[in-house]
């Protein structure tokens, strides 16, 4: 008589611990979701503190190039100060060639007139290397400013050009 009672008690114990384990797994999954949401909120707050919308400037880069051009690097200066320098990997070049857009720079800039200088380094047809510099005057208002540098190297045999477009 004691054996069936022992088996029933053991079965109840196993069932209870199994339910607790499932409950614990669910609690862990819920906590992971809460941590991920909190992390995203903290990231957004950090961006707001570091780059307030009224002084924020963002510069993006896109490439309109044919098969005969390979982007090696881009250097960006704002008002004569180095803002960013980026050396491209093969994977990044392929992404840009497929129409990708890269956020090249995100920073703060007071309202007023500024000079944005960009230097393009790349390789064209017949392994010909290019180093092309372009300067642009921008007028930063009191709102967030977004610009896109478009590298145009679609004409074989011609040097690539930069065009600066303001994003609205």
Protein backbone atom coordinates (compact mmCIF):
# COMPACT_ATOMS: atom_id res chain seq x y z
CA UNK A 1 0.00 0.00 0.00
CA UNK A 2 2.85 2.34 0.66
CA UNK A 3 4.39 1.89 -2.79
CA UNK A 4 1.39 3.33 -4.73
CA UNK A 5 1.28 6.28 -2.32
CA UNK A 6 5.01 6.84 -2.83
CA UNK A 7 4.61 6.68 -6.65
CA UNK A 8 1.71 9.15 -6.51
CA UNK A 9 3.70 11.56 -4.31
CA UNK A 10 6.72 11.26 -6.59
CA UNK A 11 4.57 11.89 -9.68
CA UNK A 12 3.04 14.98 -8.03
CA UNK A 13 6.51 16.25 -7.14
CA UNK A 14 7.79 15.79 -10.71
CA UNK A 15 4.70 17.51 -12.17
CA UNK A 16 5.04 20.46 -9.77
CA UNK A 17 8.76 20.92 -10.51
CA UNK A 18 8.04 20.71 -14.25
CA UNK A 19 5.41 23.46 -13.95
CA UNK A 20 7.85 25.58 -11.94
CA UNK A 21 10.55 25.10 -14.60
CA UNK A 22 8.13 26.18 -17.36
CA UNK A 23 7.07 29.15 -15.25
CA UNK A 24 10.70 30.06 -14.60
CA UNK A 25 11.53 29.80 -18.32
CA UNK A 26 8.61 32.13 -19.10
CA UNK A 27 9.75 34.59 -16.45
CA UNK A 28 13.27 34.58 -17.88
CA UNK A 29 11.93 35.17 -21.40
CA UNK A 30 9.76 38.04 -20.10
CA UNK A 31 12.76 39.58 -18.32
CA UNK A 32 14.88 39.34 -21.47
CA UNK A 33 12.17 41.17 -23.41
CA UNK A 34 11.96 43.87 -20.74
CA UNK A 35 15.75 44.32 -20.77
CA UNK A 36 15.78 44.64 -24.57
CA UNK A 37 13.01 47.28 -24.46
CA UNK A 38 14.83 49.17 -21.71
CA UNK A 39 18.07 49.04 -23.69
CA UNK A 40 16.32 50.58 -26.72
CA UNK A 41 14.82 53.34 -24.57
CA UNK A 42 18.23 54.11 -23.04
CA UNK A 43 19.81 54.25 -26.51
CA UNK A 44 17.16 56.73 -27.68
CA UNK A 45 17.65 58.89 -24.57
CA UNK A 46 21.42 58.86 -25.07
CA UNK A 47 21.00 59.97 -28.70
CA UNK A 48 18.69 62.81 -27.58
CA UNK A 49 21.20 63.97 -24.96
CA UNK A 50 24.30 63.68 -27.14
CA UNK A 51 22.69 65.03 -30.31
CA UNK A 52 19.76 67.35 -29.52
CA UNK A 53 17.45 67.76 -32.51
CA UNK A 54 17.97 71.53 -32.77
CA UNK A 55 21.78 71.21 -33.22
CA UNK A 56 21.90 67.80 -34.91
CA UNK A 57 23.44 67.32 -38.33
CA UNK A 58 23.54 64.01 -40.16
CA UNK A 59 25.48 63.31 -43.36
CA UNK A 60 24.68 60.23 -45.43
CA UNK A 61 26.58 58.78 -48.38
CA UNK A 62 25.31 57.01 -51.48
CA UNK A 63 27.16 55.91 -54.59
CA UNK A 64 25.88 55.99 -58.15
CA UNK A 65 28.67 54.13 -59.90
CA UNK A 66 29.11 51.71 -62.74
CA UNK A 67 31.34 48.68 -62.86
CA UNK A 68 34.48 50.72 -63.50
CA UNK A 69 34.70 52.42 -60.11
CA UNK A 70 35.58 51.17 -56.63
CA UNK A 71 35.29 53.41 -53.56
CA UNK A 72 38.24 53.08 -51.17
CA UNK A 73 37.61 55.76 -48.55
CA UNK A 74 35.83 58.99 -47.73
CA UNK A 75 37.00 61.76 -45.44
CA UNK A 76 34.63 64.42 -44.14
CA UNK A 77 35.55 67.74 -42.55
CA UNK A 78 33.20 70.35 -41.13
CA UNK A 79 34.58 73.87 -40.78
CA UNK A 80 38.11 72.58 -41.26
CA UNK A 81 37.90 69.97 -38.49
CA UNK A 82 38.04 66.26 -39.21
CA UNK A 83 34.54 64.84 -38.67
CA UNK A 84 34.97 61.29 -39.96
CA UNK A 85 37.21 59.13 -42.10
CA UNK A 86 35.95 55.79 -43.35
CA UNK A 87 37.81 53.01 -45.18
CA UNK A 88 35.43 50.72 -47.07
CA UNK A 89 35.44 46.95 -47.08
CA UNK A 90 34.42 44.93 -50.11
CA UNK A 91 31.10 44.09 -48.45
CA UNK A 92 30.34 47.79 -47.81
CA UNK A 93 31.23 48.66 -51.42
CA UNK A 94 28.82 46.01 -52.67
CA UNK A 95 26.04 47.30 -50.40
CA UNK A 96 26.53 50.86 -51.67
CA UNK A 97 26.62 49.63 -55.27
CA UNK A 98 23.23 47.94 -54.72
CA UNK A 99 21.73 51.27 -53.66
CA UNK A 100 22.57 51.29 -49.97
CA UNK A 101 22.94 54.51 -48.02
CA UNK A 102 25.48 54.89 -45.22
CA UNK A 103 25.14 57.27 -42.29
CA UNK A 104 28.60 58.77 -42.55
CA UNK A 105 28.34 61.31 -39.73
CA UNK A 106 26.04 62.30 -36.89
CA UNK A 107 26.99 65.23 -34.69
CA UNK A 108 26.12 68.66 -33.38
CA UNK A 109 26.48 71.95 -35.23
CA UNK A 110 25.22 75.37 -34.22
CA UNK A 111 22.97 77.41 -36.50
CA UNK A 112 24.78 79.47 -39.13
CA UNK A 113 27.00 79.14 -42.18
CA UNK A 114 29.40 76.20 -42.34
CA UNK A 115 31.79 74.54 -44.79
CA UNK A 116 31.52 70.82 -45.42
CA UNK A 117 34.53 69.28 -47.20
CA UNK A 118 34.57 65.75 -48.54
CA UNK A 119 37.52 63.83 -49.98
CA UNK A 120 36.86 60.75 -52.10
CA UNK A 121 39.52 58.11 -52.66
CA UNK A 122 38.82 55.39 -55.16
CA UNK A 123 39.94 53.41 -58.13
CA UNK A 124 38.53 53.80 -61.63
CA UNK A 125 39.02 52.16 -65.00
CA UNK A 126 42.48 50.75 -65.79
CA UNK A 127 43.44 50.85 -62.07
CA UNK A 128 43.52 54.66 -62.20
CA UNK A 129 43.39 56.10 -58.67
CA UNK A 130 41.32 59.16 -57.82
CA UNK A 131 41.53 61.58 -54.92
CA UNK A 132 38.76 64.10 -55.38
CA UNK A 133 37.96 66.91 -52.95
CA UNK A 134 34.75 68.93 -52.96
CA UNK A 135 33.63 71.75 -50.67
CA UNK A 136 30.08 72.80 -49.97
CA UNK A 137 28.66 75.77 -48.09
CA UNK A 138 25.70 74.88 -45.93
CA UNK A 139 23.39 77.07 -43.94
CA UNK A 140 22.31 75.30 -40.76
CA UNK A 141 19.03 76.51 -39.30
CA UNK A 142 17.70 75.96 -35.81
CA UNK A 143 16.27 72.55 -36.74
CA UNK A 144 17.88 69.20 -37.41
CA UNK A 145 19.79 69.13 -40.72
CA UNK A 146 20.28 66.09 -42.93
CA UNK A 147 22.45 65.98 -46.03
CA UNK A 148 23.30 63.30 -48.53
CA UNK A 149 26.61 63.13 -50.36
CA UNK A 150 26.00 61.43 -53.68
CA UNK A 151 29.10 60.06 -55.40
CA UNK A 152 28.49 60.00 -59.14
CA UNK A 153 30.92 57.78 -61.01
CA UNK A 154 28.58 56.38 -63.62
CA UNK A 155 30.47 57.67 -66.67
CA UNK A 156 33.35 55.31 -67.60
CA UNK A 157 36.68 57.08 -67.92
CA UNK A 158 35.51 60.23 -66.12
CA UNK A 159 36.50 61.32 -62.65
CA UNK A 160 33.82 60.83 -60.03
CA UNK A 161 31.94 63.85 -58.71
CA UNK A 162 30.20 64.74 -55.45
CA UNK A 163 26.81 66.28 -55.13
CA UNK A 164 25.35 67.45 -51.83
CA UNK A 165 21.61 67.20 -51.41
CA UNK A 166 19.58 68.38 -48.44
CA UNK A 167 17.08 65.86 -47.12
CA UNK A 168 13.76 67.33 -46.08
